[in-house]
Amino acid sequence: MLTVGERKQEFTFNSELKLTDTLLTTLETKLHTFKQILPKLDPPRGLINFVGAMLEALFGTAVDSDITSLHNNFDELQPRQQDIVHSVANQLTCIKKLDTITSMNADAIANLSGIIRDDMIKSHDKFRDITRDMLWLNMAMYGQSALFMTILQLELAVLQLPQQLDELMDAVQAIIMGKLR
């Protein structure tokens, strides 16, 4: 079960993938359009080349050699563009697979954390029950201990009673004998 933050992050990740794909398509279109607007090479003309060289020196305009260099650079970039497009497409495929695996792992982690939470709650309940039982046992033992102590004190008192009665009888007899004499 995904939280709102995870859904937002997943949505953002998918939107970034779509944005990258859109930018890649736009780049291909612009490169194709740019190639079509490049001027075509004309055969060199002597006087115009001289005027072009002067205009280049004065105003920085392009001459045939500049256009040729531009065409050569563009032709060099054309195969690389296909490699880049292919590479980005492969990266997008890998990222989509990674996204799927990541979402599966997130679901598994959410499931496992739920199981752990349930186990923790159960163990806490068991701990609470054991603590309650131990407290009850402690109170019962304390009560029995107090009862046994009282019984022992009563036994001692009962054992001392005949001895004290004998002493009392002896004292009463001594008093009676003392008055008679």
C-alpha atoms as a PDB file:
ATOM      1  CA  MET A   1       0.000   0.000   0.000  1.00  0.00           C
ATOM      2  CA  LEU A   2       1.619   3.249  -1.133  1.00  0.00           C
ATOM      3  CA  THR A   3       1.395   6.414   0.896  1.00  0.00           C
ATOM      4  CA  VAL A   4       0.556   9.786  -0.604  1.00  0.00           C
ATOM      5  CA  GLY A   5       4.238  10.802  -0.596  1.00  0.00           C
ATOM      6  CA  GLU A   6       5.253   7.608  -2.405  1.00  0.00           C
ATOM      7  CA  ARG A   7       2.494   8.098  -4.994  1.00  0.00           C
ATOM      8  CA  LYS A   8       3.638  11.696  -5.508  1.00  0.00           C
ATOM      9  CA  GLN A   9       7.243  10.540  -5.909  1.00  0.00           C
ATOM     10  CA  GLU A  10       6.160   7.792  -8.346  1.00  0.00           C
ATOM     11  CA  PHE A  11       4.098  10.329 -10.300  1.00  0.00           C
ATOM     12  CA  THR A  12       7.052  12.737 -10.407  1.00  0.00           C
ATOM     13  CA  PHE A  13       9.397   9.986 -11.589  1.00  0.00           C
ATOM     14  CA  ASN A  14       7.020   8.943 -14.413  1.00  0.00           C
ATOM     15  CA  SER A  15       6.466  12.553 -15.429  1.00  0.00           C
ATOM     16  CA  GLU A  16      10.245  13.060 -15.606  1.00  0.00           C
ATOM     17  CA  LEU A  17      10.530  10.042 -17.903  1.00  0.00           C
ATOM     18  CA  LYS A  18       7.793  11.424 -20.156  1.00  0.00           C
ATOM     19  CA  LEU A  19       9.469  14.849 -20.128  1.00  0.00           C
ATOM     20  CA  THR A  20      12.814  13.297 -21.138  1.00  0.00           C
ATOM     21  CA  ASP A  21      11.146  11.378 -23.950  1.00  0.00           C
ATOM     22  CA  THR A  22       9.395  14.552 -25.157  1.00  0.00           C
ATOM     23  CA  LEU A  23      12.647  16.548 -25.052  1.00  0.00           C
ATOM     24  CA  LEU A  24      14.412  13.817 -27.022  1.00  0.00           C
ATOM     25  CA  THR A  25      11.714  13.873 -29.710  1.00  0.00           C
ATOM     26  CA  THR A  26      11.872  17.675 -29.861  1.00  0.00           C
ATOM     27  CA  LEU A  27      15.667  17.544 -30.225  1.00  0.00           C
ATOM     28  CA  GLU A  28      15.406  15.132 -33.141  1.00  0.00           C
ATOM     29  CA  THR A  29      12.851  17.363 -34.839  1.00  0.00           C
ATOM     30  CA  LYS A  30      14.949  20.503 -34.377  1.00  0.00           C
ATOM     31  CA  LEU A  31      18.089  18.804 -35.703  1.00  0.00           C
ATOM     32  CA  HIS A  32      16.211  17.585 -38.762  1.00  0.00           C
ATOM     33  CA  THR A  33      14.757  21.073 -39.351  1.00  0.00           C
ATOM     34  CA  PHE A  34      18.177  22.673 -38.859  1.00  0.00           C
ATOM     35  CA  LYS A  35      19.733  20.330 -41.411  1.00  0.00           C
ATOM     36  CA  GLN A  36      17.096  21.324 -43.966  1.00  0.00           C
ATOM     37  CA  ILE A  37      17.700  25.047 -43.479  1.00  0.00           C
ATOM     38  CA  LEU A  38      21.461  24.795 -43.889  1.00  0.00           C
ATOM     39  CA  PRO A  39      22.486  26.411 -47.168  1.00  0.00           C
ATOM     40  CA  LYS A  40      23.559  24.096 -49.952  1.00  0.00           C
ATOM     41  CA  LEU A  41      27.079  24.317 -51.268  1.00  0.00           C
ATOM     42  CA  ASP A  42      27.328  26.172 -54.520  1.00  0.00           C
ATOM     43  CA  PRO A  43      30.229  25.839 -56.917  1.00  0.00           C
ATOM     44  CA  PRO A  44      32.823  28.530 -56.125  1.00  0.00           C
ATOM     45  CA  ARG A  45      32.835  31.744 -58.151  1.00  0.00           C
ATOM     46  CA  GLY A  46      36.007  33.785 -58.189  1.00  0.00           C
ATOM     47  CA  LEU A  47      34.703  37.344 -57.736  1.00  0.00           C
ATOM     48  CA  ILE A  48      31.977  36.419 -55.277  1.00  0.00           C
ATOM     49  CA  ASN A  49      34.462  34.468 -53.143  1.00  0.00           C
ATOM     50  CA  PHE A  50      36.690  37.537 -52.907  1.00  0.00           C
ATOM     51  CA  VAL A  51      33.721  39.747 -51.929  1.00  0.00           C
ATOM     52  CA  GLY A  52      32.608  37.048 -49.430  1.00  0.00           C
ATOM     53  CA  ALA A  53      36.091  36.999 -47.846  1.00  0.00           C
ATOM     54  CA  MET A  54      35.993  40.796 -47.486  1.00  0.00           C
ATOM     55  CA  LEU A  55      32.491  40.689 -45.978  1.00  0.00           C
ATOM     56  CA  GLU A  56      33.656  37.960 -43.623  1.00  0.00           C
ATOM     57  CA  ALA A  57      36.596  40.059 -42.493  1.00  0.00           C
ATOM     58  CA  LEU A  58      34.465  43.184 -42.052  1.00  0.00           C
ATOM     59  CA  PHE A  59      31.167  41.818 -40.752  1.00  0.00           C
ATOM     60  CA  GLY A  60      31.826  38.172 -39.794  1.00  0.00           C
ATOM     61  CA  THR A  61      29.519  36.711 -42.458  1.00  0.00           C
ATOM     62  CA  ALA A  62      29.860  33.081 -43.551  1.00  0.00           C
ATOM     63  CA  VAL A  63      31.787  32.113 -46.640  1.00  0.00           C
ATOM     64  CA  ASP A  64      31.857  28.829 -48.548  1.00  0.00           C
ATOM     65  CA  SER A  65      34.625  27.395 -46.361  1.00  0.00           C
ATOM     66  CA  ASP A  66      32.579  28.176 -43.242  1.00  0.00           C
ATOM     67  CA  ILE A  67      29.505  26.543 -44.752  1.00  0.00           C
ATOM     68  CA  THR A  68      31.600  23.521 -45.790  1.00  0.00           C
ATOM     69  CA  SER A  69      33.001  23.244 -42.271  1.00  0.00           C
ATOM     70  CA  LEU A  70      29.482  23.537 -40.870  1.00  0.00           C
ATOM     71  CA  HIS A  71      28.225  20.793 -43.193  1.00  0.00           C
ATOM     72  CA  ASN A  72      31.163  18.541 -42.272  1.00  0.00           C
ATOM     73  CA  ASN A  73      30.555  19.058 -38.558  1.00  0.00           C
ATOM     74  CA  PHE A  74      26.868  18.365 -38.975  1.00  0.00           C
ATOM     75  CA  ASP A  75      27.578  15.212 -41.012  1.00  0.00           C
ATOM     76  CA  GLU A  76      29.937  14.084 -38.247  1.00  0.00           C
ATOM     77  CA  LEU A  77      27.254  14.673 -35.631  1.00  0.00           C
ATOM     78  CA  GLN A  78      24.527  12.817 -37.536  1.00  0.00           C
ATOM     79  CA  PRO A  79      25.745   9.257 -36.670  1.00  0.00           C
ATOM     80  CA  ARG A  80      26.420  10.358 -33.114  1.00  0.00           C
ATOM     81  CA  GLN A  81      22.867  11.660 -32.858  1.00  0.00           C
ATOM     82  CA  GLN A  82      21.537   8.202 -33.692  1.00  0.00           C
ATOM     83  CA  ASP A  83      23.859   6.689 -31.054  1.00  0.00           C
ATOM     84  CA  ILE A  84      22.670   9.215 -28.486  1.00  0.00           C
ATOM     85  CA  VAL A  85      19.024   8.546 -29.332  1.00  0.00           C
ATOM     86  CA  HIS A  86      19.622   4.806 -29.062  1.00  0.00           C
ATOM     87  CA  SER A  87      21.517   5.216 -25.778  1.00  0.00           C
ATOM     88  CA  VAL A  88      18.816   7.413 -24.229  1.00  0.00           C
ATOM     89  CA  ALA A  89      16.129   4.958 -25.349  1.00  0.00           C
ATOM     90  CA  ASN A  90      18.066   2.108 -23.682  1.00  0.00           C
ATOM     91  CA  GLN A  91      18.460   4.188 -20.530  1.00  0.00           C
ATOM     92  CA  LEU A  92      14.721   4.885 -20.475  1.00  0.00           C
ATOM     93  CA  THR A  93      14.032   1.151 -20.789  1.00  0.00           C
ATOM     94  CA  CYS A  94      16.432   0.407 -17.938  1.00  0.00           C
ATOM     95  CA  ILE A  95      14.901   3.155 -15.796  1.00  0.00           C
ATOM     96  CA  LYS A  96      11.397   1.793 -16.424  1.00  0.00           C
ATOM     97  CA  LYS A  97      12.547  -1.696 -15.400  1.00  0.00           C
ATOM     98  CA  LEU A  98      14.262  -0.239 -12.348  1.00  0.00           C
ATOM     99  CA  ASP A  99      11.073   1.656 -11.508  1.00  0.00           C
ATOM    100  CA  THR A 100       9.068  -1.583 -11.660  1.00  0.00           C
ATOM    101  CA  ILE A 101      11.581  -3.422  -9.478  1.00  0.00           C
ATOM    102  CA  THR A 102      11.705  -0.514  -7.038  1.00  0.00           C
ATOM    103  CA  SER A 103       7.927  -0.432  -6.717  1.00  0.00           C
ATOM    104  CA  MET A 104       7.898  -4.200  -6.118  1.00  0.00           C
ATOM    105  CA  ASN A 105      10.574  -3.799  -3.443  1.00  0.00           C
ATOM    106  CA  ALA A 106       8.632  -0.941  -1.853  1.00  0.00           C
ATOM    107  CA  ASP A 107       5.513  -3.127  -1.727  1.00  0.00           C
ATOM    108  CA  ALA A 108       7.518  -5.989  -0.204  1.00  0.00           C
ATOM    109  CA  ILE A 109       9.037  -3.655   2.398  1.00  0.00           C
ATOM    110  CA  ALA A 110       5.603  -2.264   3.249  1.00  0.00           C
ATOM    111  CA  ASN A 111       4.263  -5.806   3.624  1.00  0.00           C
ATOM    112  CA  LEU A 112       7.196  -6.921   5.782  1.00  0.00           C
ATOM    113  CA  SER A 113       6.986  -3.827   7.959  1.00  0.00           C
ATOM    114  CA  GLY A 114       3.280  -4.578   8.511  1.00  0.00           C
ATOM    115  CA  ILE A 115       4.140  -8.131   9.550  1.00  0.00           C
ATOM    116  CA  ILE A 116       6.860  -6.883  11.897  1.00  0.00           C
ATOM    117  CA  ARG A 117       4.479  -4.304  13.377  1.00  0.00           C
ATOM    118  CA  ASP A 118       1.855  -7.007  14.009  1.00  0.00           C
ATOM    119  CA  ASP A 119       4.478  -9.267  15.621  1.00  0.00           C
ATOM    120  CA  MET A 120       5.664  -6.394  17.817  1.00  0.00           C
ATOM    121  CA  ILE A 121       2.082  -5.705  18.931  1.00  0.00           C
ATOM    122  CA  LYS A 122       1.550  -9.403  19.720  1.00  0.00           C
ATOM    123  CA  SER A 123       4.816  -9.638  21.655  1.00  0.00           C
ATOM    124  CA  HIS A 124       3.906  -6.468  23.573  1.00  0.00           C
ATOM    125  CA  ASP A 125       0.535  -7.998  24.469  1.00  0.00           C
ATOM    126  CA  LYS A 126       2.270 -11.198  25.630  1.00  0.00           C
ATOM    127  CA  PHE A 127       4.756  -9.163  27.659  1.00  0.00           C
ATOM    128  CA  ARG A 128       1.901  -7.228  29.277  1.00  0.00           C
ATOM    129  CA  ASP A 129       0.072 -10.476  30.144  1.00  0.00           C
ATOM    130  CA  ILE A 130       3.223 -12.056  31.580  1.00  0.00           C
ATOM    131  CA  THR A 131       3.928  -8.927  33.624  1.00  0.00           C
ATOM    132  CA  ARG A 132       0.352  -8.927  34.939  1.00  0.00           C
ATOM    133  CA  ASP A 133       0.622 -12.622  35.883  1.00  0.00           C
ATOM    134  CA  MET A 134       3.978 -12.071  37.592  1.00  0.00           C
ATOM    135  CA  LEU A 135       2.568  -9.163  39.592  1.00  0.00           C
ATOM    136  CA  TRP A 136      -0.432 -11.286  40.624  1.00  0.00           C
ATOM    137  CA  LEU A 137       1.895 -14.148  41.614  1.00  0.00           C
ATOM    138  CA  ASN A 138       4.090 -11.734  43.564  1.00  0.00           C
ATOM    139  CA  MET A 139       1.066 -10.336  45.404  1.00  0.00           C
ATOM    140  CA  ALA A 140      -0.222 -13.854  46.108  1.00  0.00           C
ATOM    141  CA  MET A 141       3.179 -14.934  47.424  1.00  0.00           C
ATOM    142  CA  TYR A 142       3.398 -11.799  49.550  1.00  0.00           C
ATOM    143  CA  GLY A 143      -0.081 -12.508  50.930  1.00  0.00           C
ATOM    144  CA  GLN A 144       0.836 -16.119  51.629  1.00  0.00           C
ATOM    145  CA  SER A 145       4.079 -14.987  53.177  1.00  0.00           C
ATOM    146  CA  ALA A 146       2.211 -12.625  55.496  1.00  0.00           C
ATOM    147  CA  LEU A 147      -0.255 -15.415  56.326  1.00  0.00           C
ATOM    148  CA  PHE A 148       2.556 -17.868  57.051  1.00  0.00           C
ATOM    149  CA  MET A 149       4.259 -15.286  59.238  1.00  0.00           C
ATOM    150  CA  THR A 150       1.037 -14.762  61.214  1.00  0.00           C
ATOM    151  CA  ILE A 151       0.552 -18.537  61.547  1.00  0.00           C
ATOM    152  CA  LEU A 152       4.130 -18.918  62.799  1.00  0.00           C
ATOM    153  CA  GLN A 153       3.561 -16.148  65.330  1.00  0.00           C
ATOM    154  CA  LEU A 154       0.351 -17.861  66.473  1.00  0.00           C
ATOM    155  CA  GLU A 155       2.169 -21.207  66.782  1.00  0.00           C
ATOM    156  CA  LEU A 156       4.859 -19.561  68.862  1.00  0.00           C
ATOM    157  CA  ALA A 157       2.221 -17.917  71.037  1.00  0.00           C
ATOM    158  CA  VAL A 158       0.371 -21.241  71.460  1.00  0.00           C
ATOM    159  CA  LEU A 159       3.633 -23.009  72.376  1.00  0.00           C
ATOM    160  CA  GLN A 160       4.506 -20.306  74.902  1.00  0.00           C
ATOM    161  CA  LEU A 161       0.988 -20.296  76.395  1.00  0.00           C
ATOM    162  CA  PRO A 162       1.354 -23.538  78.451  1.00  0.00           C
ATOM    163  CA  GLN A 163       4.741 -22.428  79.731  1.00  0.00           C
ATOM    164  CA  GLN A 164       3.365 -19.045  80.730  1.00  0.00           C
ATOM    165  CA  LEU A 165       0.301 -20.726  82.307  1.00  0.00           C
ATOM    166  CA  ASP A 166       2.625 -22.947  84.323  1.00  0.00           C
ATOM    167  CA  GLU A 167       4.555 -19.894  85.441  1.00  0.00           C
ATOM    168  CA  LEU A 168       1.273 -18.140  86.299  1.00  0.00           C
ATOM    169  CA  MET A 169       0.088 -21.137  88.289  1.00  0.00           C
ATOM    170  CA  ASP A 170       3.405 -21.278  90.111  1.00  0.00           C
ATOM    171  CA  ALA A 171       3.159 -17.562  90.884  1.00  0.00           C
ATOM    172  CA  VAL A 172      -0.470 -17.951  92.100  1.00  0.00           C
ATOM    173  CA  GLN A 173       0.538 -20.880  94.300  1.00  0.00           C
ATOM    174  CA  ALA A 174       3.471 -18.915  95.648  1.00  0.00           C
ATOM    175  CA  ILE A 175       1.152 -16.025  96.499  1.00  0.00           C
ATOM    176  CA  ILE A 176      -1.366 -18.378  98.129  1.00  0.00           C
ATOM    177  CA  MET A 177       1.368 -20.069 100.079  1.00  0.00           C
ATOM    178  CA  GLY A 178       2.808 -16.752 101.072  1.00  0.00           C
ATOM    179  CA  LYS A 179      -0.487 -15.585 102.517  1.00  0.00           C
ATOM    180  CA  LEU A 180      -1.017 -18.758 104.400  1.00  0.00           C
ATOM    181  CA  ARG A 181       2.208 -18.626 106.179  1.00  0.00           C
END
